[in-house]
Amino acid sequence: MSSSVALYEALTTAPDDRTRARVIAEAFERLEERYPHLPDLATQGHVRESELRLHREIEQIRAELRQAELRLQKEIEQVRSDLKIDIERLRTELARTKVDLLKWIVPLMLGQVALIAALVKLL
């Protein structure tokens, strides 16, 4: 015989309300002993509530990620702009250095040619 039929019979044969209440309390006690994890079970409402909370948190994180991405894009553009300026400055310095080197090398080469020619004449 199943426990629900036994509960039904115990309730219907109980002589007064006090005995019926005791039978119901004992049934709950046996239920709690048989299923100790019962209070920890999640209902569909609990699951739905958790799902909605997780969706809301996911959307908040997505929004934060979008903001971080936009901030990083702005920073990247700033760095690119700074690098372009630095590259142009370095190109200018390189061109200036090149001109300075030519100012020294050409007269030195002409001086070497003249010195070699003078040495050849002397010998």
C-alpha atoms as a PDB file:
ATOM      1  CA  MET A   1       0.000   0.000   0.000  1.00  0.00           C
ATOM      2  CA  SER A   2       1.334   3.403  -0.886  1.00  0.00           C
ATOM      3  CA  SER A   3       2.006   6.079   1.645  1.00  0.00           C
ATOM      4  CA  SER A   4      -0.655   8.397   0.235  1.00  0.00           C
ATOM      5  CA  VAL A   5      -3.334   5.720   0.625  1.00  0.00           C
ATOM      6  CA  ALA A   6      -2.106   5.064   4.168  1.00  0.00           C
ATOM      7  CA  LEU A   7      -2.280   8.796   4.900  1.00  0.00           C
ATOM      8  CA  TYR A   8      -5.795   8.963   3.500  1.00  0.00           C
ATOM      9  CA  GLU A   9      -6.925   6.039   5.632  1.00  0.00           C
ATOM     10  CA  ALA A  10      -5.277   7.505   8.731  1.00  0.00           C
ATOM     11  CA  LEU A  11      -7.040  10.826   8.134  1.00  0.00           C
ATOM     12  CA  THR A  12     -10.434   9.305   7.493  1.00  0.00           C
ATOM     13  CA  THR A  13     -10.235   7.027  10.536  1.00  0.00           C
ATOM     14  CA  ALA A  14      -8.994   9.742  12.886  1.00  0.00           C
ATOM     15  CA  PRO A  15     -11.613  10.381  15.585  1.00  0.00           C
ATOM     16  CA  ASP A  16     -11.051  14.147  15.931  1.00  0.00           C
ATOM     17  CA  ASP A  17      -9.294  17.177  14.410  1.00  0.00           C
ATOM     18  CA  ARG A  18      -6.397  16.964  16.859  1.00  0.00           C
ATOM     19  CA  THR A  19      -5.559  13.419  15.730  1.00  0.00           C
ATOM     20  CA  ARG A  20      -5.893  14.399  12.069  1.00  0.00           C
ATOM     21  CA  ALA A  21      -3.495  17.300  12.643  1.00  0.00           C
ATOM     22  CA  ARG A  22      -1.044  14.908  14.291  1.00  0.00           C
ATOM     23  CA  VAL A  23      -1.312  12.497  11.322  1.00  0.00           C
ATOM     24  CA  ILE A  24      -0.625  15.368   8.900  1.00  0.00           C
ATOM     25  CA  ALA A  25       2.343  16.578  10.988  1.00  0.00           C
ATOM     26  CA  GLU A  26       3.792  13.062  11.070  1.00  0.00           C
ATOM     27  CA  ALA A  27       3.322  12.772   7.316  1.00  0.00           C
ATOM     28  CA  PHE A  28       5.261  15.997   6.837  1.00  0.00           C
ATOM     29  CA  GLU A  29       7.956  14.762   9.191  1.00  0.00           C
ATOM     30  CA  ARG A  30       8.323  11.493   7.251  1.00  0.00           C
ATOM     31  CA  LEU A  31       8.427  13.490   4.014  1.00  0.00           C
ATOM     32  CA  GLU A  32      11.220  15.702   5.374  1.00  0.00           C
ATOM     33  CA  GLU A  33      13.144  12.647   6.593  1.00  0.00           C
ATOM     34  CA  ARG A  34      12.776  10.902   3.252  1.00  0.00           C
ATOM     35  CA  TYR A  35      13.710  14.003   1.241  1.00  0.00           C
ATOM     36  CA  PRO A  36      16.068  16.113   3.394  1.00  0.00           C
ATOM     37  CA  HIS A  37      17.123  18.203   0.395  1.00  0.00           C
ATOM     38  CA  LEU A  38      13.504  19.171  -0.377  1.00  0.00           C
ATOM     39  CA  PRO A  39      13.812  22.737   0.994  1.00  0.00           C
ATOM     40  CA  ASP A  40      16.801  23.274  -1.277  1.00  0.00           C
ATOM     41  CA  LEU A  41      14.943  22.335  -4.471  1.00  0.00           C
ATOM     42  CA  ALA A  42      14.362  25.151  -6.910  1.00  0.00           C
ATOM     43  CA  THR A  43      10.915  25.736  -8.308  1.00  0.00           C
ATOM     44  CA  GLN A  44      10.202  26.900 -11.824  1.00  0.00           C
ATOM     45  CA  GLY A  45       9.709  30.364 -10.380  1.00  0.00           C
ATOM     46  CA  HIS A  46      13.129  30.274  -8.754  1.00  0.00           C
ATOM     47  CA  VAL A  47      14.734  29.088 -11.981  1.00  0.00           C
ATOM     48  CA  ARG A  48      12.936  31.748 -14.027  1.00  0.00           C
ATOM     49  CA  GLU A  49      13.922  34.445 -11.536  1.00  0.00           C
ATOM     50  CA  SER A  50      17.555  33.322 -11.685  1.00  0.00           C
ATOM     51  CA  GLU A  51      17.402  33.218 -15.473  1.00  0.00           C
ATOM     52  CA  LEU A  52      16.046  36.766 -15.639  1.00  0.00           C
ATOM     53  CA  ARG A  53      18.676  37.967 -13.174  1.00  0.00           C
ATOM     54  CA  LEU A  54      21.424  36.321 -15.254  1.00  0.00           C
ATOM     55  CA  HIS A  55      20.063  37.868 -18.457  1.00  0.00           C
ATOM     56  CA  ARG A  56      20.078  41.290 -16.822  1.00  0.00           C
ATOM     57  CA  GLU A  57      23.655  40.794 -15.587  1.00  0.00           C
ATOM     58  CA  ILE A  58      24.748  39.589 -19.032  1.00  0.00           C
ATOM     59  CA  GLU A  59      23.238  42.698 -20.635  1.00  0.00           C
ATOM     60  CA  GLN A  60      25.004  44.913 -18.087  1.00  0.00           C
ATOM     61  CA  ILE A  61      28.307  43.201 -18.839  1.00  0.00           C
ATOM     62  CA  ARG A  62      27.708  43.584 -22.580  1.00  0.00           C
ATOM     63  CA  ALA A  63      27.057  47.290 -22.091  1.00  0.00           C
ATOM     64  CA  GLU A  64      30.227  47.622 -20.020  1.00  0.00           C
ATOM     65  CA  LEU A  65      32.171  45.768 -22.709  1.00  0.00           C
ATOM     66  CA  ARG A  66      30.807  48.104 -25.389  1.00  0.00           C
ATOM     67  CA  GLN A  67      31.847  51.119 -23.318  1.00  0.00           C
ATOM     68  CA  ALA A  68      35.299  49.639 -22.740  1.00  0.00           C
ATOM     69  CA  GLU A  69      35.621  48.862 -26.449  1.00  0.00           C
ATOM     70  CA  LEU A  70      34.704  52.435 -27.402  1.00  0.00           C
ATOM     71  CA  ARG A  71      37.152  53.802 -24.836  1.00  0.00           C
ATOM     72  CA  LEU A  72      39.897  51.529 -26.164  1.00  0.00           C
ATOM     73  CA  GLN A  73      39.152  52.539 -29.754  1.00  0.00           C
ATOM     74  CA  LYS A  74      39.526  56.192 -28.763  1.00  0.00           C
ATOM     75  CA  GLU A  75      42.800  55.419 -27.007  1.00  0.00           C
ATOM     76  CA  ILE A  76      44.056  53.464 -30.034  1.00  0.00           C
ATOM     77  CA  GLU A  77      43.222  56.373 -32.334  1.00  0.00           C
ATOM     78  CA  GLN A  78      45.052  58.749 -29.983  1.00  0.00           C
ATOM     79  CA  VAL A  79      48.114  56.485 -29.949  1.00  0.00           C
ATOM     80  CA  ARG A  80      48.012  56.224 -33.754  1.00  0.00           C
ATOM     81  CA  SER A  81      47.839  59.993 -34.034  1.00  0.00           C
ATOM     82  CA  ASP A  82      50.752  60.383 -31.618  1.00  0.00           C
ATOM     83  CA  LEU A  83      52.768  57.796 -33.543  1.00  0.00           C
ATOM     84  CA  LYS A  84      52.130  59.565 -36.850  1.00  0.00           C
ATOM     85  CA  ILE A  85      53.404  62.792 -35.343  1.00  0.00           C
ATOM     86  CA  ASP A  86      56.462  61.022 -33.916  1.00  0.00           C
ATOM     87  CA  ILE A  87      57.163  59.322 -37.249  1.00  0.00           C
ATOM     88  CA  GLU A  88      56.968  62.640 -39.097  1.00  0.00           C
ATOM     89  CA  ARG A  89      59.293  64.224 -36.538  1.00  0.00           C
ATOM     90  CA  LEU A  90      61.768  61.357 -36.946  1.00  0.00           C
ATOM     91  CA  ARG A  91      61.605  61.647 -40.750  1.00  0.00           C
ATOM     92  CA  THR A  92      62.379  65.337 -40.481  1.00  0.00           C
ATOM     93  CA  GLU A  93      65.298  64.657 -38.147  1.00  0.00           C
ATOM     94  CA  LEU A  94      66.559  61.892 -40.444  1.00  0.00           C
ATOM     95  CA  ALA A  95      66.443  64.216 -43.468  1.00  0.00           C
ATOM     96  CA  ARG A  96      68.268  66.917 -41.503  1.00  0.00           C
ATOM     97  CA  THR A  97      70.918  64.396 -40.391  1.00  0.00           C
ATOM     98  CA  LYS A  98      71.308  63.219 -43.979  1.00  0.00           C
ATOM     99  CA  VAL A  99      71.919  66.798 -45.162  1.00  0.00           C
ATOM    100  CA  ASP A 100      74.386  67.380 -42.316  1.00  0.00           C
ATOM    101  CA  LEU A 101      76.305  64.220 -43.237  1.00  0.00           C
ATOM    102  CA  LEU A 102      76.451  65.279 -46.878  1.00  0.00           C
ATOM    103  CA  LYS A 103      77.793  68.703 -45.811  1.00  0.00           C
ATOM    104  CA  TRP A 104      80.717  66.926 -44.152  1.00  0.00           C
ATOM    105  CA  ILE A 105      81.279  63.991 -46.487  1.00  0.00           C
ATOM    106  CA  VAL A 106      81.437  65.914 -49.793  1.00  0.00           C
ATOM    107  CA  PRO A 107      84.171  68.367 -48.658  1.00  0.00           C
ATOM    108  CA  LEU A 108      86.089  65.501 -47.001  1.00  0.00           C
ATOM    109  CA  MET A 109      85.942  63.431 -50.191  1.00  0.00           C
ATOM    110  CA  LEU A 110      87.118  66.384 -52.278  1.00  0.00           C
ATOM    111  CA  GLY A 111      89.901  67.001 -49.773  1.00  0.00           C
ATOM    112  CA  GLN A 112      90.960  63.338 -49.974  1.00  0.00           C
ATOM    113  CA  VAL A 113      91.022  63.476 -53.781  1.00  0.00           C
ATOM    114  CA  ALA A 114      93.125  66.643 -53.670  1.00  0.00           C
ATOM    115  CA  LEU A 115      95.472  65.086 -51.089  1.00  0.00           C
ATOM    116  CA  ILE A 116      95.894  61.930 -53.150  1.00  0.00           C
ATOM    117  CA  ALA A 117      96.545  64.013 -56.279  1.00  0.00           C
ATOM    118  CA  ALA A 118      99.169  66.065 -54.411  1.00  0.00           C
ATOM    119  CA  LEU A 119     100.805  62.873 -53.122  1.00  0.00           C
ATOM    120  CA  VAL A 120     100.884  61.428 -56.643  1.00  0.00           C
ATOM    121  CA  LYS A 121     102.539  64.632 -57.962  1.00  0.00           C
ATOM    122  CA  LEU A 122     105.148  64.496 -55.241  1.00  0.00           C
ATOM    123  CA  LEU A 123     106.073  60.945 -55.996  1.00  0.00           C
END
